[in-house]
């Protein structure tokens, strides 16, 4: 029905807007008219955002990770692996 780059008229604006919402596009003003344009790709999360997300998911804040990764901590291998994954990401932030 619609496609990227297609001009939008007053008569089909509502249908075009619905199509855009369903197809990752939007309507923007160009050269005195309106055109369907693709939405930009979402930005990749920063390393800091990745670390924060993993900390929130696991509850393994830096202080907890230090305890988990300490020798003879008694933490399970699964928890130690998750903590190590986060530490590997966070190491970039500490450089």
PDB file of N, CA and C in Angstrom:
ATOM      1  N   UNK A   1       0.826  -1.189   0.000  1.00  0.00           N
ATOM      2  CA  UNK A   1       0.000   0.000   0.000  1.00  0.00           C
ATOM      3  C   UNK A   1       0.874   1.258   0.000  1.00  0.00           C
ATOM      4  N   UNK A   2       1.785   1.386   0.971  1.00  0.00           N
ATOM      5  CA  UNK A   2       2.689   2.530   1.040  1.00  0.00           C
ATOM      6  C   UNK A   2       4.116   2.017   0.985  1.00  0.00           C
ATOM      7  N   UNK A   3       5.055   2.929   0.757  1.00  0.00           N
ATOM      8  CA  UNK A   3       6.467   2.559   0.766  1.00  0.00           C
ATOM      9  C   UNK A   3       7.308   3.774   1.152  1.00  0.00           C
ATOM     10  N   UNK A   4       8.537   3.491   1.584  1.00  0.00           N
ATOM     11  CA  UNK A   4       9.460   4.549   1.971  1.00  0.00           C
ATOM     12  C   UNK A   4       9.703   5.455   0.764  1.00  0.00           C
ATOM     13  N   UNK A   5       9.654   6.761   1.006  1.00  0.00           N
ATOM     14  CA  UNK A   5       9.873   7.723  -0.069  1.00  0.00           C
ATOM     15  C   UNK A   5       8.605   8.198  -0.745  1.00  0.00           C
ATOM     16  N   UNK A   6       7.509   7.541  -0.456  1.00  0.00           N
ATOM     17  CA  UNK A   6       6.228   7.913  -1.087  1.00  0.00           C
ATOM     18  C   UNK A   6       5.706   9.218  -0.505  1.00  0.00           C
ATOM     19  N   UNK A   7       5.161  10.065  -1.377  1.00  0.00           N
ATOM     20  CA  UNK A   7       4.560  11.313  -0.923  1.00  0.00           C
ATOM     21  C   UNK A   7       3.237  11.018  -0.242  1.00  0.00           C
ATOM     22  N   UNK A   8       2.924  11.819   0.777  1.00  0.00           N
ATOM     23  CA  UNK A   8       1.682  11.666   1.527  1.00  0.00           C
ATOM     24  C   UNK A   8       0.811  12.882   1.232  1.00  0.00           C
ATOM     25  N   UNK A   9      -0.440  12.611   0.953  1.00  0.00           N
ATOM     26  CA  UNK A   9      -1.382  13.697   0.677  1.00  0.00           C
ATOM     27  C   UNK A   9      -2.301  13.890   1.869  1.00  0.00           C
ATOM     28  N   UNK A  10      -3.071  14.954   1.796  1.00  0.00           N
ATOM     29  CA  UNK A  10      -4.041  15.222   2.856  1.00  0.00           C
ATOM     30  C   UNK A  10      -5.070  14.089   2.924  1.00  0.00           C
ATOM     31  N   UNK A  11      -5.402  13.529   1.780  1.00  0.00           N
ATOM     32  CA  UNK A  11      -6.427  12.482   1.714  1.00  0.00           C
ATOM     33  C   UNK A  11      -5.963  11.156   2.312  1.00  0.00           C
ATOM     34  N   UNK A  12      -4.658  10.828   2.184  1.00  0.00           N
ATOM     35  CA  UNK A  12      -4.201   9.524   2.687  1.00  0.00           C
ATOM     36  C   UNK A  12      -3.299   9.629   3.917  1.00  0.00           C
ATOM     37  N   UNK A  13      -3.258  10.793   4.530  1.00  0.00           N
ATOM     38  CA  UNK A  13      -2.357  11.020   5.666  1.00  0.00           C
ATOM     39  C   UNK A  13      -2.629  10.043   6.812  1.00  0.00           C
ATOM     40  N   UNK A  14      -3.884   9.868   7.179  1.00  0.00           N
ATOM     41  CA  UNK A  14      -4.220   8.986   8.305  1.00  0.00           C
ATOM     42  C   UNK A  14      -3.813   7.549   8.007  1.00  0.00           C
ATOM     43  N   UNK A  15      -4.135   7.060   6.812  1.00  0.00           N
ATOM     44  CA  UNK A  15      -3.764   5.690   6.446  1.00  0.00           C
ATOM     45  C   UNK A  15      -2.243   5.538   6.401  1.00  0.00           C
ATOM     46  N   UNK A  16      -1.562   6.585   5.902  1.00  0.00           N
ATOM     47  CA  UNK A  16      -0.101   6.540   5.852  1.00  0.00           C
ATOM     48  C   UNK A  16       0.486   6.497   7.257  1.00  0.00           C
ATOM     49  N   UNK A  17      -0.066   7.270   8.165  1.00  0.00           N
ATOM     50  CA  UNK A  17       0.416   7.283   9.551  1.00  0.00           C
ATOM     51  C   UNK A  17       0.230   5.916  10.196  1.00  0.00           C
ATOM     52  N   UNK A  18      -0.892   5.285   9.964  1.00  0.00           N
ATOM     53  CA  UNK A  18      -1.139   3.939  10.502  1.00  0.00           C
ATOM     54  C   UNK A  18      -0.125   2.962   9.928  1.00  0.00           C
ATOM     55  N   UNK A  19       0.099   3.045   8.614  1.00  0.00           N
ATOM     56  CA  UNK A  19       1.071   2.161   7.966  1.00  0.00           C
ATOM     57  C   UNK A  19       2.460   2.382   8.556  1.00  0.00           C
ATOM     58  N   UNK A  20       2.837   3.642   8.745  1.00  0.00           N
ATOM     59  CA  UNK A  20       4.151   3.960   9.306  1.00  0.00           C
ATOM     60  C   UNK A  20       4.327   3.345  10.689  1.00  0.00           C
ATOM     61  N   UNK A  21       3.324   3.454  11.543  1.00  0.00           N
ATOM     62  CA  UNK A  21       3.401   2.899  12.893  1.00  0.00           C
ATOM     63  C   UNK A  21       3.585   1.394  12.874  1.00  0.00           C
ATOM     64  N   UNK A  22       3.049   0.743  11.874  1.00  0.00           N
ATOM     65  CA  UNK A  22       3.139  -0.717  11.783  1.00  0.00           C
ATOM     66  C   UNK A  22       4.389  -1.191  11.061  1.00  0.00           C
ATOM     67  N   UNK A  23       5.102  -0.273  10.403  1.00  0.00           N
ATOM     68  CA  UNK A  23       6.219  -0.668   9.553  1.00  0.00           C
ATOM     69  C   UNK A  23       7.530   0.063   9.837  1.00  0.00           C
ATOM     70  N   UNK A  24       7.668   0.604  11.025  1.00  0.00           N
ATOM     71  CA  UNK A  24       8.936   1.228  11.399  1.00  0.00           C
ATOM     72  C   UNK A  24       9.294   2.439  10.569  1.00  0.00           C
ATOM     73  N   UNK A  25       8.317   3.280  10.309  1.00  0.00           N
ATOM     74  CA  UNK A  25       8.546   4.481   9.510  1.00  0.00           C
ATOM     75  C   UNK A  25       7.839   5.664  10.158  1.00  0.00           C
ATOM     76  N   UNK A  26       8.031   6.823   9.585  1.00  0.00           N
ATOM     77  CA  UNK A  26       7.356   8.026  10.058  1.00  0.00           C
ATOM     78  C   UNK A  26       7.146   8.968   8.874  1.00  0.00           C
ATOM     79  N   UNK A  27       6.348   9.984   9.088  1.00  0.00           N
ATOM     80  CA  UNK A  27       6.089  10.980   8.056  1.00  0.00           C
ATOM     81  C   UNK A  27       6.877  12.227   8.415  1.00  0.00           C
ATOM     82  N   UNK A  28       7.619  12.732   7.446  1.00  0.00           N
ATOM     83  CA  UNK A  28       8.376  13.952   7.699  1.00  0.00           C
ATOM     84  C   UNK A  28       8.161  14.950   6.564  1.00  0.00           C
ATOM     85  N   UNK A  29       8.352  16.203   6.912  1.00  0.00           N
ATOM     86  CA  UNK A  29       8.178  17.264   5.936  1.00  0.00           C
ATOM     87  C   UNK A  29       9.452  17.409   5.108  1.00  0.00           C
ATOM     88  N   UNK A  30       9.278  17.399   3.788  1.00  0.00           N
ATOM     89  CA  UNK A  30      10.408  17.563   2.883  1.00  0.00           C
ATOM     90  C   UNK A  30       9.959  18.373   1.674  1.00  0.00           C
ATOM     91  N   UNK A  31      10.717  19.363   1.321  1.00  0.00           N
ATOM     92  CA  UNK A  31      10.452  20.163   0.122  1.00  0.00           C
ATOM     93  C   UNK A  31       9.013  20.659   0.037  1.00  0.00           C
ATOM     94  N   UNK A  32       8.482  21.111   1.140  1.00  0.00           N
ATOM     95  CA  UNK A  32       7.132  21.664   1.159  1.00  0.00           C
ATOM     96  C   UNK A  32       6.022  20.629   1.149  1.00  0.00           C
ATOM     97  N   UNK A  33       6.351  19.346   1.206  1.00  0.00           N
ATOM     98  CA  UNK A  33       5.345  18.286   1.244  1.00  0.00           C
ATOM     99  C   UNK A  33       5.683  17.294   2.344  1.00  0.00           C
ATOM    100  N   UNK A  34       4.941  16.217   2.376  1.00  0.00           N
ATOM    101  CA  UNK A  34       5.166  15.187   3.381  1.00  0.00           C
ATOM    102  C   UNK A  34       5.520  13.881   2.692  1.00  0.00           C
ATOM    103  N   UNK A  35       6.503  13.179   3.264  1.00  0.00           N
ATOM    104  CA  UNK A  35       7.029  11.959   2.673  1.00  0.00           C
ATOM    105  C   UNK A  35       7.192  10.913   3.770  1.00  0.00           C
ATOM    106  N   UNK A  36       7.011   9.648   3.390  1.00  0.00           N
ATOM    107  CA  UNK A  36       7.242   8.548   4.331  1.00  0.00           C
ATOM    108  C   UNK A  36       8.746   8.275   4.380  1.00  0.00           C
ATOM    109  N   UNK A  37       9.293   8.219   5.594  1.00  0.00           N
ATOM    110  CA  UNK A  37      10.719   7.968   5.794  1.00  0.00           C
ATOM    111  C   UNK A  37      10.906   6.841   6.813  1.00  0.00           C
ATOM    112  N   UNK A  38      11.971   6.088   6.639  1.00  0.00           N
ATOM    113  CA  UNK A  38      12.269   4.989   7.563  1.00  0.00           C
ATOM    114  C   UNK A  38      12.755   5.553   8.891  1.00  0.00           C
ATOM    115  N   UNK A  39      12.369   4.912   9.977  1.00  0.00           N
ATOM    116  CA  UNK A  39      12.883   5.282  11.296  1.00  0.00           C
ATOM    117  C   UNK A  39      14.353   4.902  11.371  1.00  0.00           C
ATOM    118  N   UNK A  40      15.164   5.709  12.043  1.00  0.00           N
ATOM    119  CA  UNK A  40      16.570   5.332  12.198  1.00  0.00           C
ATOM    120  C   UNK A  40      16.695   4.104  13.098  1.00  0.00           C
ATOM    121  N   UNK A  41      17.753   3.348  12.883  1.00  0.00           N
ATOM    122  CA  UNK A  41      18.001   2.174  13.719  1.00  0.00           C
ATOM    123  C   UNK A  41      18.297   2.639  15.138  1.00  0.00           C
ATOM    124  N   UNK A  42      17.832   1.904  16.137  1.00  0.00           N
ATOM    125  CA  UNK A  42      18.122   2.303  17.518  1.00  0.00           C
ATOM    126  C   UNK A  42      19.627   2.248  17.783  1.00  0.00           C
ATOM    127  N   UNK A  43      20.077   3.159  18.589  1.00  0.00           N
ATOM    128  CA  UNK A  43      21.501   3.214  18.931  1.00  0.00           C
ATOM    129  C   UNK A  43      21.869   2.020  19.802  1.00  0.00           C
ATOM    130  N   UNK A  44      23.085   1.524  19.604  1.00  0.00           N
ATOM    131  CA  UNK A  44      23.588   0.437  20.442  1.00  0.00           C
ATOM    132  C   UNK A  44      23.820   0.985  21.851  1.00  0.00           C
ATOM    133  N   UNK A  45      23.484   0.212  22.874  1.00  0.00           N
ATOM    134  CA  UNK A  45      23.737   0.700  24.233  1.00  0.00           C
ATOM    135  C   UNK A  45      25.233   0.832  24.491  1.00  0.00           C
ATOM    136  N   UNK A  46      25.592   1.825  25.278  1.00  0.00           N
ATOM    137  CA  UNK A  46      26.996   2.018  25.636  1.00  0.00           C
ATOM    138  C   UNK A  46      27.423   0.896  26.573  1.00  0.00           C
ATOM    139  N   UNK A  47      28.720   0.762  26.778  1.00  0.00           N
ATOM    140  CA  UNK A  47      29.231  -0.259  27.702  1.00  0.00           C
ATOM    141  C   UNK A  47      28.670  -0.009  29.096  1.00  0.00           C
ATOM    142  N   UNK A  48      28.632   1.255  29.493  1.00  0.00           N
ATOM    143  CA  UNK A  48      28.099   1.590  30.817  1.00  0.00           C
ATOM    144  C   UNK A  48      26.635   1.158  30.935  1.00  0.00           C
ATOM    145  N   UNK A  49      25.845   1.389  29.903  1.00  0.00           N
ATOM    146  CA  UNK A  49      24.440   0.978  29.919  1.00  0.00           C
ATOM    147  C   UNK A  49      24.318  -0.543  29.954  1.00  0.00           C
ATOM    148  N   UNK A  50      25.204  -1.243  29.246  1.00  0.00           N
ATOM    149  CA  UNK A  50      25.186  -2.708  29.267  1.00  0.00           C
ATOM    150  C   UNK A  50      25.496  -3.237  30.664  1.00  0.00           C
ATOM    151  N   UNK A  51      26.500  -2.644  31.306  1.00  0.00           N
ATOM    152  CA  UNK A  51      26.867  -3.068  32.663  1.00  0.00           C
ATOM    153  C   UNK A  51      25.698  -2.808  33.611  1.00  0.00           C
ATOM    154  N   UNK A  52      25.103  -1.631  33.531  1.00  0.00           N
ATOM    155  CA  UNK A  52      23.981  -1.294  34.405  1.00  0.00           C
ATOM    156  C   UNK A  52      22.806  -2.251  34.199  1.00  0.00           C
ATOM    157  N   UNK A  53      22.538  -2.610  32.946  1.00  0.00           N
ATOM    158  CA  UNK A  53      21.439  -3.535  32.661  1.00  0.00           C
ATOM    159  C   UNK A  53      21.711  -4.910  33.256  1.00  0.00           C
ATOM    160  N   UNK A  54      22.945  -5.400  33.092  1.00  0.00           N
ATOM    161  CA  UNK A  54      23.289  -6.717  33.643  1.00  0.00           C
ATOM    162  C   UNK A  54      23.272  -6.700  35.171  1.00  0.00           C
ATOM    163  N   UNK A  55      23.727  -5.602  35.761  1.00  0.00           N
ATOM    164  CA  UNK A  55      23.660  -5.483  37.217  1.00  0.00           C
ATOM    165  C   UNK A  55      22.213  -5.519  37.695  1.00  0.00           C
ATOM    166  N   UNK A  56      21.341  -4.821  36.998  1.00  0.00           N
ATOM    167  CA  UNK A  56      19.930  -4.794  37.385  1.00  0.00           C
ATOM    168  C   UNK A  56      19.281  -6.165  37.216  1.00  0.00           C
ATOM    169  N   UNK A  57      19.649  -6.878  36.161  1.00  0.00           N
ATOM    170  CA  UNK A  57      19.075  -8.204  35.910  1.00  0.00           C
ATOM    171  C   UNK A  57      19.525  -9.232  36.943  1.00  0.00           C
ATOM    172  N   UNK A  58      20.771  -9.142  37.348  1.00  0.00           N
ATOM    173  CA  UNK A  58      21.344 -10.178  38.207  1.00  0.00           C
ATOM    174  C   UNK A  58      21.458  -9.794  39.672  1.00  0.00           C
ATOM    175  N   UNK A  59      21.426  -8.491  39.962  1.00  0.00           N
ATOM    176  CA  UNK A  59      21.644  -8.034  41.331  1.00  0.00           C
ATOM    177  C   UNK A  59      23.112  -8.039  41.712  1.00  0.00           C
ATOM    178  N   UNK A  60      23.994  -8.259  40.732  1.00  0.00           N
ATOM    179  CA  UNK A  60      25.426  -8.345  40.986  1.00  0.00           C
ATOM    180  C   UNK A  60      26.085  -6.979  40.786  1.00  0.00           C
ATOM    181  N   UNK A  61      25.932  -6.116  41.783  1.00  0.00           N
ATOM    182  CA  UNK A  61      26.601  -4.819  41.751  1.00  0.00           C
ATOM    183  C   UNK A  61      28.098  -5.048  41.915  1.00  0.00           C
ATOM    184  N   UNK A  62      28.888  -4.008  41.769  1.00  0.00           N
ATOM    185  CA  UNK A  62      30.345  -4.166  41.846  1.00  0.00           C
ATOM    186  C   UNK A  62      30.772  -4.747  43.192  1.00  0.00           C
ATOM    187  N   UNK A  63      30.210  -4.239  44.263  1.00  0.00           N
ATOM    188  CA  UNK A  63      30.581  -4.743  45.589  1.00  0.00           C
ATOM    189  C   UNK A  63      30.226  -6.222  45.731  1.00  0.00           C
ATOM    190  N   UNK A  64      29.079  -6.612  45.255  1.00  0.00           N
ATOM    191  CA  UNK A  64      28.659  -8.017  45.338  1.00  0.00           C
ATOM    192  C   UNK A  64      29.555  -8.874  44.452  1.00  0.00           C
ATOM    193  N   UNK A  65      29.896  -8.368  43.268  1.00  0.00           N
ATOM    194  CA  UNK A  65      30.781  -9.132  42.365  1.00  0.00           C
ATOM    195  C   UNK A  65      32.137  -9.377  43.018  1.00  0.00           C
ATOM    196  N   UNK A  66      32.653  -8.392  43.714  1.00  0.00           N
ATOM    197  CA  UNK A  66      33.945  -8.564  44.383  1.00  0.00           C
ATOM    198  C   UNK A  66      33.868  -9.679  45.420  1.00  0.00           C
ATOM    199  N   UNK A  67      32.763  -9.735  46.143  1.00  0.00           N
ATOM    200  CA  UNK A  67      32.585 -10.809  47.134  1.00  0.00           C
ATOM    201  C   UNK A  67      32.435 -12.165  46.456  1.00  0.00           C
ATOM    202  N   UNK A  68      31.649 -12.211  45.396  1.00  0.00           N
ATOM    203  CA  UNK A  68      31.409 -13.467  44.682  1.00  0.00           C
ATOM    204  C   UNK A  68      32.694 -14.005  44.075  1.00  0.00           C
ATOM    205  N   UNK A  69      33.515 -13.100  43.532  1.00  0.00           N
ATOM    206  CA  UNK A  69      34.734 -13.533  42.849  1.00  0.00           C
ATOM    207  C   UNK A  69      35.911 -13.752  43.786  1.00  0.00           C
ATOM    208  N   UNK A  70      35.739 -13.438  45.064  1.00  0.00           N
ATOM    209  CA  UNK A  70      36.811 -13.673  46.038  1.00  0.00           C
ATOM    210  C   UNK A  70      37.042 -15.174  46.188  1.00  0.00           C
ATOM    211  N   UNK A  71      38.272 -15.521  46.515  1.00  0.00           N
ATOM    212  CA  UNK A  71      38.608 -16.927  46.699  1.00  0.00           C
ATOM    213  C   UNK A  71      37.772 -17.534  47.828  1.00  0.00           C
ATOM    214  N   UNK A  72      37.291 -18.744  47.622  1.00  0.00           N
ATOM    215  CA  UNK A  72      36.483 -19.469  48.605  1.00  0.00           C
ATOM    216  C   UNK A  72      35.231 -18.690  49.025  1.00  0.00           C
ATOM    217  N   UNK A  73      34.596 -18.026  48.074  1.00  0.00           N
ATOM    218  CA  UNK A  73      33.406 -17.241  48.405  1.00  0.00           C
ATOM    219  C   UNK A  73      32.185 -18.128  48.644  1.00  0.00           C
ATOM    220  N   UNK A  74      32.212 -19.332  48.118  1.00  0.00           N
ATOM    221  CA  UNK A  74      31.070 -20.225  48.276  1.00  0.00           C
ATOM    222  C   UNK A  74      29.977 -19.984  47.242  1.00  0.00           C
ATOM    223  N   UNK A  75      30.189 -19.051  46.341  1.00  0.00           N
ATOM    224  CA  UNK A  75      29.194 -18.771  45.302  1.00  0.00           C
ATOM    225  C   UNK A  75      29.201 -19.910  44.286  1.00  0.00           C
ATOM    226  N   UNK A  76      28.046 -20.146  43.689  1.00  0.00           N
ATOM    227  CA  UNK A  76      27.947 -21.208  42.686  1.00  0.00           C
ATOM    228  C   UNK A  76      28.733 -20.814  41.438  1.00  0.00           C
ATOM    229  N   UNK A  77      29.064 -21.801  40.643  1.00  0.00           N
ATOM    230  CA  UNK A  77      29.813 -21.549  39.402  1.00  0.00           C
ATOM    231  C   UNK A  77      28.994 -20.659  38.465  1.00  0.00           C
ATOM    232  N   UNK A  78      27.692 -20.848  38.441  1.00  0.00           N
ATOM    233  CA  UNK A  78      26.816 -20.016  37.598  1.00  0.00           C
ATOM    234  C   UNK A  78      26.926 -18.545  38.001  1.00  0.00           C
ATOM    235  N   UNK A  79      26.835 -18.263  39.286  1.00  0.00           N
ATOM    236  CA  UNK A  79      26.900 -16.881  39.773  1.00  0.00           C
ATOM    237  C   UNK A  79      28.290 -16.308  39.504  1.00  0.00           C
ATOM    238  N   UNK A  80      29.326 -17.113  39.700  1.00  0.00           N
ATOM    239  CA  UNK A  80      30.682 -16.649  39.430  1.00  0.00           C
ATOM    240  C   UNK A  80      30.839 -16.291  37.947  1.00  0.00           C
ATOM    241  N   UNK A  81      30.274 -17.100  37.059  1.00  0.00           N
ATOM    242  CA  UNK A  81      30.361 -16.816  35.626  1.00  0.00           C
ATOM    243  C   UNK A  81      29.642 -15.519  35.267  1.00  0.00           C
ATOM    244  N   UNK A  82      28.437 -15.322  35.832  1.00  0.00           N
ATOM    245  CA  UNK A  82      27.693 -14.076  35.556  1.00  0.00           C
ATOM    246  C   UNK A  82      28.481 -12.866  36.061  1.00  0.00           C
ATOM    247  N   UNK A  83      29.064 -12.994  37.243  1.00  0.00           N
ATOM    248  CA  UNK A  83      29.850 -11.902  37.815  1.00  0.00           C
ATOM    249  C   UNK A  83      31.064 -11.618  36.939  1.00  0.00           C
ATOM    250  N   UNK A  84      31.708 -12.667  36.447  1.00  0.00           N
ATOM    251  CA  UNK A  84      32.887 -12.490  35.598  1.00  0.00           C
ATOM    252  C   UNK A  84      32.514 -11.830  34.265  1.00  0.00           C
ATOM    253  N   UNK A  85      31.358 -12.173  33.707  1.00  0.00           N
ATOM    254  CA  UNK A  85      30.896 -11.544  32.464  1.00  0.00           C
ATOM    255  C   UNK A  85      30.745 -10.032  32.653  1.00  0.00           C
ATOM    256  N   UNK A  86      30.141  -9.656  33.765  1.00  0.00           N
ATOM    257  CA  UNK A  86      29.934  -8.225  34.038  1.00  0.00           C
ATOM    258  C   UNK A  86      31.281  -7.545  34.270  1.00  0.00           C
ATOM    259  N   UNK A  87      32.166  -8.203  35.001  1.00  0.00           N
ATOM    260  CA  UNK A  87      33.489  -7.633  35.266  1.00  0.00           C
ATOM    261  C   UNK A  87      34.258  -7.428  33.966  1.00  0.00           C
ATOM    262  N   UNK A  88      34.138  -8.365  33.031  1.00  0.00           N
ATOM    263  CA  UNK A  88      34.831  -8.217  31.752  1.00  0.00           C
ATOM    264  C   UNK A  88      34.339  -6.980  31.007  1.00  0.00           C
ATOM    265  N   UNK A  89      33.033  -6.748  31.033  1.00  0.00           N
ATOM    266  CA  UNK A  89      32.473  -5.538  30.411  1.00  0.00           C
ATOM    267  C   UNK A  89      32.931  -4.287  31.157  1.00  0.00           C
ATOM    268  N   UNK A  90      32.865  -4.335  32.475  1.00  0.00           N
ATOM    269  CA  UNK A  90      33.164  -3.163  33.299  1.00  0.00           C
ATOM    270  C   UNK A  90      34.643  -2.793  33.249  1.00  0.00           C
ATOM    271  N   UNK A  91      35.507  -3.736  32.919  1.00  0.00           N
ATOM    272  CA  UNK A  91      36.948  -3.456  32.869  1.00  0.00           C
ATOM    273  C   UNK A  91      37.246  -2.339  31.874  1.00  0.00           C
ATOM    274  N   UNK A  92      36.490  -2.271  30.796  1.00  0.00           N
ATOM    275  CA  UNK A  92      36.675  -1.217  29.804  1.00  0.00           C
ATOM    276  C   UNK A  92      36.416   0.149  30.405  1.00  0.00           C
ATOM    277  N   UNK A  93      35.472   0.224  31.326  1.00  0.00           N
ATOM    278  CA  UNK A  93      35.131   1.508  31.951  1.00  0.00           C
ATOM    279  C   UNK A  93      36.212   1.972  32.921  1.00  0.00           C
ATOM    280  N   UNK A  94      36.978   1.055  33.454  1.00  0.00           N
ATOM    281  CA  UNK A  94      37.986   1.385  34.460  1.00  0.00           C
ATOM    282  C   UNK A  94      39.339   1.745  33.858  1.00  0.00           C
ATOM    283  N   UNK A  95      39.475   1.606  32.555  1.00  0.00           N
ATOM    284  CA  UNK A  95      40.759   1.907  31.898  1.00  0.00           C
ATOM    285  C   UNK A  95      40.965   3.383  31.757  1.00  0.00           C
TER     286      UNK A  95
END
